[in-house]
């Protein structure tokens, strides 16, 4: 007869990983939270603001990070990765190793939760996006960082743009799925730029708008009322900061901007394939971890005692 341990290993300290850690940690259950980077909070920790329906103020995320760091029942491993795992539900022997050569930690846990998140598709992987390092072409996360660091957006010259194009759905055709969150956060970014200066021309190019929550249409309308123009396209490409778009009627338009901001597709986090092989877990055809059953067991996996949550199992935002 083997002892069963209630302790849990969580891989990834973004929003999903932190929430799971806080929900499960107790005097009777220790949580080992493993993060590959040097900071907690994941991608969301770098946001300048949240959506209105999420409260707007990113202080909420910083507050949750503080709660995790202060919780005596959560042991945090930063700059660390899972190196080995053997065992079964209730008794997994795992080795966590730091990237700086620290002695590995040998742990015994009853369950493992994968919350490794996502990465964004490299803009240079997207067909039809032809630009150089000198062009003012940015990913959405680069603009998020710019806003978080300085509170405003500027071109490489240091000057504020007079016009900006926001391109949705970049890489969707190649990946074969909608990333679900891009429409809302691109509306957030264009709204932020209009707040910076109402004279900045802001145009959103979209194929389809994904606005799944009750407040999303109202948010979209408020951004449009602020002067952001929305244009639907059937196909799109860029040459530097010139946008060539084909409308739904087949007519082609060509317009140059000071700045082009792109929402690339959400992809599985770096190292997902290697982690899946280590844990002997299947991946979905999209490259994300495969849940046991989308309806009846949406966080379970093919192995008892191993679970997958958050964007590790597919595109989703903070609320999900």
Protein backbone atom coordinates (compact mmCIF):
# COMPACT_ATOMS: atom_id res chain seq x y z
CA UNK A 1 0.00 0.00 0.00
CA UNK A 2 1.40 3.40 -1.08
CA UNK A 3 0.89 6.71 0.62
CA UNK A 4 -1.04 9.28 -1.39
CA UNK A 5 0.12 12.88 -1.25
CA UNK A 6 -2.30 15.80 -1.66
CA UNK A 7 0.44 18.19 -2.79
CA UNK A 8 0.24 19.58 -6.33
CA UNK A 9 2.79 20.69 -8.91
CA UNK A 10 1.67 23.54 -11.19
CA UNK A 11 3.64 24.29 -14.35
CA UNK A 12 3.26 27.95 -15.31
CA UNK A 13 2.62 31.00 -13.14
CA UNK A 14 0.42 33.07 -15.40
CA UNK A 15 -3.17 33.93 -14.53
CA UNK A 16 -4.42 30.33 -14.74
CA UNK A 17 -1.50 28.89 -12.78
CA UNK A 18 -1.72 31.51 -10.03
CA UNK A 19 -5.48 31.13 -9.64
CA UNK A 20 -5.13 27.35 -9.40
CA UNK A 21 -2.36 27.74 -6.80
CA UNK A 22 -4.43 30.10 -4.65
CA UNK A 23 -7.52 27.90 -4.91
CA UNK A 24 -5.70 24.70 -3.93
CA UNK A 25 -3.13 25.85 -1.38
CA UNK A 26 -3.93 25.00 2.25
CA UNK A 27 -2.25 23.82 5.43
CA UNK A 28 -2.95 20.27 4.28
CA UNK A 29 -1.85 20.77 0.67
CA UNK A 30 1.41 22.35 -0.50
CA UNK A 31 1.63 23.82 -3.98
CA UNK A 32 4.82 23.84 -6.01
CA UNK A 33 4.52 26.58 -8.63
CA UNK A 34 7.10 26.34 -11.41
CA UNK A 35 7.68 29.27 -13.78
CA UNK A 36 10.13 29.26 -16.69
CA UNK A 37 10.66 33.02 -16.59
CA UNK A 38 11.90 35.26 -13.78
CA UNK A 39 8.48 36.84 -13.11
CA UNK A 40 4.99 35.71 -12.12
CA UNK A 41 1.85 36.80 -13.92
CA UNK A 42 2.58 35.65 -17.45
CA UNK A 43 1.74 37.80 -20.45
CA UNK A 44 -1.03 39.67 -18.64
CA UNK A 45 1.38 41.11 -16.07
CA UNK A 46 2.70 43.45 -18.76
CA UNK A 47 -0.67 44.94 -19.72
CA UNK A 48 -1.19 48.68 -19.51
CA UNK A 49 -4.87 48.17 -18.72
CA UNK A 50 -7.53 45.48 -18.77
CA UNK A 51 -10.82 45.51 -20.64
CA UNK A 52 -13.64 47.48 -18.99
CA UNK A 53 -15.53 44.28 -18.16
CA UNK A 54 -12.36 43.00 -16.44
CA UNK A 55 -12.16 46.07 -14.25
CA UNK A 56 -9.75 48.14 -16.34
CA UNK A 57 -7.02 48.47 -13.72
CA UNK A 58 -4.16 45.93 -14.05
CA UNK A 59 -3.49 46.38 -10.33
CA UNK A 60 -5.77 43.36 -9.91
CA UNK A 61 -3.10 41.18 -11.50
CA UNK A 62 -0.31 42.66 -9.39
CA UNK A 63 -2.43 42.07 -6.32
CA UNK A 64 -2.86 38.39 -7.19
CA UNK A 65 0.88 38.05 -7.73
CA UNK A 66 1.41 39.47 -4.24
CA UNK A 67 -1.06 36.99 -2.76
CA UNK A 68 0.79 34.09 -4.36
CA UNK A 69 4.18 35.31 -3.18
CA UNK A 70 2.96 35.76 0.40
CA UNK A 71 1.15 32.42 0.65
CA UNK A 72 3.15 30.15 2.96
CA UNK A 73 1.66 27.06 1.36
CA UNK A 74 2.93 27.93 -2.12
CA UNK A 75 6.58 27.31 -2.95
CA UNK A 76 7.67 29.21 -6.05
CA UNK A 77 10.36 28.08 -8.49
CA UNK A 78 11.32 30.87 -10.92
CA UNK A 79 13.57 30.37 -13.95
CA UNK A 80 12.85 26.67 -13.57
CA UNK A 81 11.50 23.73 -15.55
CA UNK A 82 10.23 20.22 -15.05
CA UNK A 83 13.03 17.80 -15.93
CA UNK A 84 11.54 14.41 -15.12
CA UNK A 85 8.35 12.77 -13.91
CA UNK A 86 7.50 9.18 -13.00
CA UNK A 87 4.62 7.67 -11.10
CA UNK A 88 0.84 7.84 -11.11
CA UNK A 89 -2.16 9.64 -9.60
CA UNK A 90 -1.46 10.37 -5.95
CA UNK A 91 2.26 9.63 -6.19
CA UNK A 92 4.30 11.41 -8.86
CA UNK A 93 8.03 11.78 -8.32
CA UNK A 94 9.21 14.90 -10.16
CA UNK A 95 12.45 16.80 -10.60
CA UNK A 96 12.40 20.58 -10.99
CA UNK A 97 15.60 22.20 -12.19
CA UNK A 98 16.63 25.85 -12.31
CA UNK A 99 18.14 27.38 -15.42
CA UNK A 100 21.04 28.88 -13.45
CA UNK A 101 22.55 25.58 -12.39
CA UNK A 102 20.94 25.37 -8.96
CA UNK A 103 20.62 21.94 -7.40
CA UNK A 104 17.47 20.25 -8.72
CA UNK A 105 14.50 19.83 -6.39
CA UNK A 106 13.14 16.31 -5.96
CA UNK A 107 9.44 16.46 -5.11
CA UNK A 108 6.56 14.06 -4.60
CA UNK A 109 3.11 15.28 -5.62
CA UNK A 110 -0.30 13.77 -6.08
CA UNK A 111 -1.26 15.71 -9.20
CA UNK A 112 0.27 17.91 -11.89
CA UNK A 113 -1.46 20.90 -13.48
CA UNK A 114 -0.21 22.27 -16.79
CA UNK A 115 -0.75 26.03 -17.11
CA UNK A 116 2.07 26.90 -19.49
CA UNK A 117 0.10 29.47 -21.47
CA UNK A 118 0.88 30.57 -25.03
CA UNK A 119 3.13 32.57 -27.29
CA UNK A 120 2.26 34.86 -30.17
CA UNK A 121 3.02 33.91 -33.76
CA UNK A 122 6.11 35.64 -35.13
CA UNK A 123 5.00 38.39 -37.53
CA UNK A 124 7.64 37.28 -40.04
CA UNK A 125 5.96 33.87 -40.27
CA UNK A 126 2.79 35.44 -41.63
CA UNK A 127 2.48 35.29 -45.44
CA UNK A 128 2.06 38.67 -47.11
CA UNK A 129 3.61 40.66 -44.27
CA UNK A 130 6.65 42.25 -45.90
CA UNK A 131 8.48 44.73 -43.70
CA UNK A 132 11.94 45.53 -42.36
CA UNK A 133 13.28 46.32 -38.90
CA UNK A 134 13.25 50.00 -39.82
CA UNK A 135 9.51 50.02 -40.48
CA UNK A 136 7.09 51.04 -37.74
CA UNK A 137 5.39 47.64 -37.67
CA UNK A 138 4.63 46.26 -34.22
CA UNK A 139 2.94 43.29 -32.62
CA UNK A 140 0.08 43.99 -30.23
CA UNK A 141 2.25 42.98 -27.26
CA UNK A 142 4.96 45.46 -28.26
CA UNK A 143 2.35 48.22 -28.11
CA UNK A 144 1.07 46.90 -24.76
CA UNK A 145 4.60 47.18 -23.39
CA UNK A 146 5.04 50.66 -24.84
CA UNK A 147 1.83 51.84 -23.18
CA UNK A 148 2.71 50.16 -19.89
CA UNK A 149 6.21 51.68 -19.82
CA UNK A 150 5.46 55.24 -20.92
CA UNK A 151 1.69 55.66 -21.09
CA UNK A 152 1.82 56.61 -24.77
CA UNK A 153 2.75 55.24 -28.19
CA UNK A 154 5.64 56.55 -30.27
CA UNK A 155 7.32 55.62 -33.52
CA UNK A 156 10.98 54.63 -33.81
CA UNK A 157 11.75 58.29 -34.44
CA UNK A 158 10.34 59.13 -31.02
CA UNK A 159 7.45 61.08 -32.49
CA UNK A 160 3.80 60.26 -31.96
CA UNK A 161 2.06 58.71 -34.98
CA UNK A 162 -0.52 60.68 -36.95
CA UNK A 163 -2.11 57.49 -38.21
CA UNK A 164 -2.17 53.84 -37.18
CA UNK A 165 -3.59 50.67 -38.69
CA UNK A 166 -4.66 47.76 -36.49
CA UNK A 167 -4.72 44.40 -38.27
CA UNK A 168 -6.74 41.55 -36.77
CA UNK A 169 -6.65 37.83 -37.59
CA UNK A 170 -2.98 37.74 -38.67
CA UNK A 171 -2.01 34.10 -39.12
CA UNK A 172 -5.52 32.78 -38.55
CA UNK A 173 -5.65 31.13 -41.96
CA UNK A 174 -2.30 29.43 -41.41
CA UNK A 175 -3.16 28.22 -37.89
CA UNK A 176 -6.72 27.22 -38.71
CA UNK A 177 -8.41 28.70 -35.64
CA UNK A 178 -9.60 31.99 -34.15
CA UNK A 179 -7.55 33.23 -31.17
CA UNK A 180 -10.75 34.64 -29.57
CA UNK A 181 -9.18 37.51 -27.61
CA UNK A 182 -7.56 39.64 -30.34
CA UNK A 183 -10.60 41.70 -31.33
CA UNK A 184 -11.21 42.97 -27.82
CA UNK A 185 -7.61 43.82 -27.04
CA UNK A 186 -7.07 45.50 -30.42
CA UNK A 187 -10.13 47.66 -29.70
CA UNK A 188 -8.57 48.42 -26.33
CA UNK A 189 -5.28 49.47 -27.98
CA UNK A 190 -6.91 51.66 -30.63
CA UNK A 191 -9.01 53.27 -27.92
CA UNK A 192 -5.85 53.98 -25.92
CA UNK A 193 -4.24 55.64 -28.92
CA UNK A 194 -7.31 57.82 -29.48
CA UNK A 195 -7.10 58.82 -25.82
CA UNK A 196 -3.48 59.80 -26.39
CA UNK A 197 -4.66 62.15 -29.15
CA UNK A 198 -8.07 62.28 -30.76
CA UNK A 199 -6.40 63.56 -33.95
CA UNK A 200 -4.60 60.25 -34.58
CA UNK A 201 -6.31 58.39 -37.41
CA UNK A 202 -6.98 54.84 -36.17
CA UNK A 203 -8.32 52.15 -38.50
CA UNK A 204 -9.13 48.58 -37.45
CA UNK A 205 -8.91 45.97 -40.22
CA UNK A 206 -10.83 42.82 -39.33
CA UNK A 207 -12.05 39.69 -41.06
CA UNK A 208 -14.60 38.68 -38.42
CA UNK A 209 -15.26 40.30 -35.06
CA UNK A 210 -15.22 37.96 -32.05
CA UNK A 211 -17.15 39.71 -29.28
CA UNK A 212 -18.45 36.85 -27.09
CA UNK A 213 -19.20 38.58 -23.79
CA UNK A 214 -22.25 40.65 -22.86
CA UNK A 215 -20.35 43.93 -22.58
CA UNK A 216 -18.19 43.48 -25.68
CA UNK A 217 -20.57 45.04 -28.22
CA UNK A 218 -21.00 48.07 -25.98
CA UNK A 219 -17.19 48.35 -25.74
CA UNK A 220 -16.84 48.09 -29.53
CA UNK A 221 -19.43 50.85 -30.00
CA UNK A 222 -17.67 53.12 -27.51
CA UNK A 223 -14.38 52.76 -29.39
CA UNK A 224 -16.11 53.50 -32.70
CA UNK A 225 -17.78 56.54 -31.14
CA UNK A 226 -14.30 57.75 -30.13
CA UNK A 227 -13.39 57.91 -33.81
CA UNK A 228 -11.85 54.52 -34.55
CA UNK A 229 -12.85 53.30 -38.02
CA UNK A 230 -13.56 49.60 -38.58
CA UNK A 231 -12.99 48.07 -42.01
CA UNK A 232 -13.77 44.47 -42.90
CA UNK A 233 -11.45 42.62 -45.27
CA UNK A 234 -11.39 39.27 -47.04
CA UNK A 235 -7.61 39.30 -47.51
CA UNK A 236 -4.82 41.61 -46.37
CA UNK A 237 -1.10 42.17 -46.76
CA UNK A 238 1.41 44.86 -45.88
CA UNK A 239 4.42 46.39 -47.58
CA UNK A 240 6.25 48.26 -44.87
CA UNK A 241 3.58 50.46 -43.29
CA UNK A 242 1.33 50.35 -46.35
CA UNK A 243 -1.77 48.19 -45.96
CA UNK A 244 -3.28 46.53 -49.04
CA UNK A 245 -6.69 45.09 -48.23
CA UNK A 246 -9.36 43.41 -50.32
CA UNK A 247 -12.85 44.22 -49.10
CA UNK A 248 -15.76 41.80 -48.92
CA UNK A 249 -16.94 43.20 -52.27
CA UNK A 250 -13.62 42.30 -53.91
CA UNK A 251 -12.45 45.91 -54.23
CA UNK A 252 -8.82 46.53 -53.24
CA UNK A 253 -7.70 49.49 -51.16
CA UNK A 254 -4.18 50.71 -50.46
CA UNK A 255 -3.31 53.13 -47.67
CA UNK A 256 -0.09 54.11 -45.92
CA UNK A 257 0.12 54.73 -42.18
CA UNK A 258 2.73 56.00 -39.76
CA UNK A 259 2.36 52.81 -37.73
CA UNK A 260 0.97 49.31 -38.30
CA UNK A 261 -0.03 47.21 -35.27
CA UNK A 262 -0.68 43.51 -35.80
CA UNK A 263 -2.59 40.96 -33.70
CA UNK A 264 -0.83 37.66 -34.44
CA UNK A 265 -2.37 34.28 -33.72
CA UNK A 266 -1.97 32.70 -30.29
CA UNK A 267 0.23 29.60 -30.48
CA UNK A 268 1.29 26.89 -28.01
CA UNK A 269 3.97 28.07 -25.61
CA UNK A 270 7.59 27.40 -26.47
CA UNK A 271 8.59 23.92 -25.30
CA UNK A 272 5.04 22.52 -25.41
CA UNK A 273 6.06 19.60 -27.63
CA UNK A 274 8.99 18.66 -25.40
CA UNK A 275 6.85 18.90 -22.25
CA UNK A 276 4.13 16.74 -23.80
CA UNK A 277 6.74 14.11 -24.68
CA UNK A 278 8.20 14.21 -21.17
CA UNK A 279 4.76 13.78 -19.60
CA UNK A 280 3.59 11.33 -22.28
CA UNK A 281 0.52 13.42 -23.05
CA UNK A 282 -1.15 13.89 -26.44
CA UNK A 283 -1.40 17.22 -28.22
CA UNK A 284 -4.33 18.51 -30.24
CA UNK A 285 -3.74 18.97 -33.97
CA UNK A 286 -3.29 22.71 -33.26
CA UNK A 287 -0.31 21.93 -31.02
CA UNK A 288 -2.02 22.74 -27.72
CA UNK A 289 -2.51 20.12 -25.00
CA UNK A 290 -5.47 17.83 -25.59
CA UNK A 291 -8.12 17.71 -22.88
CA UNK A 292 -9.78 14.39 -22.03
CA UNK A 293 -13.21 15.52 -23.23
CA UNK A 294 -14.29 19.01 -24.20
CA UNK A 295 -17.60 18.77 -22.33
CA UNK A 296 -17.45 16.09 -19.65
CA UNK A 297 -13.81 16.45 -18.59
CA UNK A 298 -12.49 19.75 -19.98
CA UNK A 299 -9.42 20.02 -17.71
CA UNK A 300 -8.51 16.34 -17.50
CA UNK A 301 -5.99 14.62 -19.77
CA UNK A 302 -5.37 11.10 -20.98
CA UNK A 303 -3.43 10.43 -17.76
CA UNK A 304 -5.13 10.38 -14.36
CA UNK A 305 -3.71 13.03 -12.07
CA UNK A 306 -2.51 15.29 -14.87
CA UNK A 307 -4.61 18.32 -15.77
CA UNK A 308 -4.43 21.17 -18.27
CA UNK A 309 -5.89 24.65 -17.76
CA UNK A 310 -5.85 28.11 -19.30
CA UNK A 311 -4.26 28.84 -22.66
CA UNK A 312 -2.17 25.67 -22.47
CA UNK A 313 -5.20 23.90 -23.95
CA UNK A 314 -6.09 26.55 -26.52
CA UNK A 315 -6.60 30.30 -27.04
CA UNK A 316 -8.44 32.06 -24.24
CA UNK A 317 -8.29 35.27 -22.24
CA UNK A 318 -8.08 36.30 -18.62
CA UNK A 319 -11.79 35.79 -17.91
CA UNK A 320 -11.71 32.21 -19.18
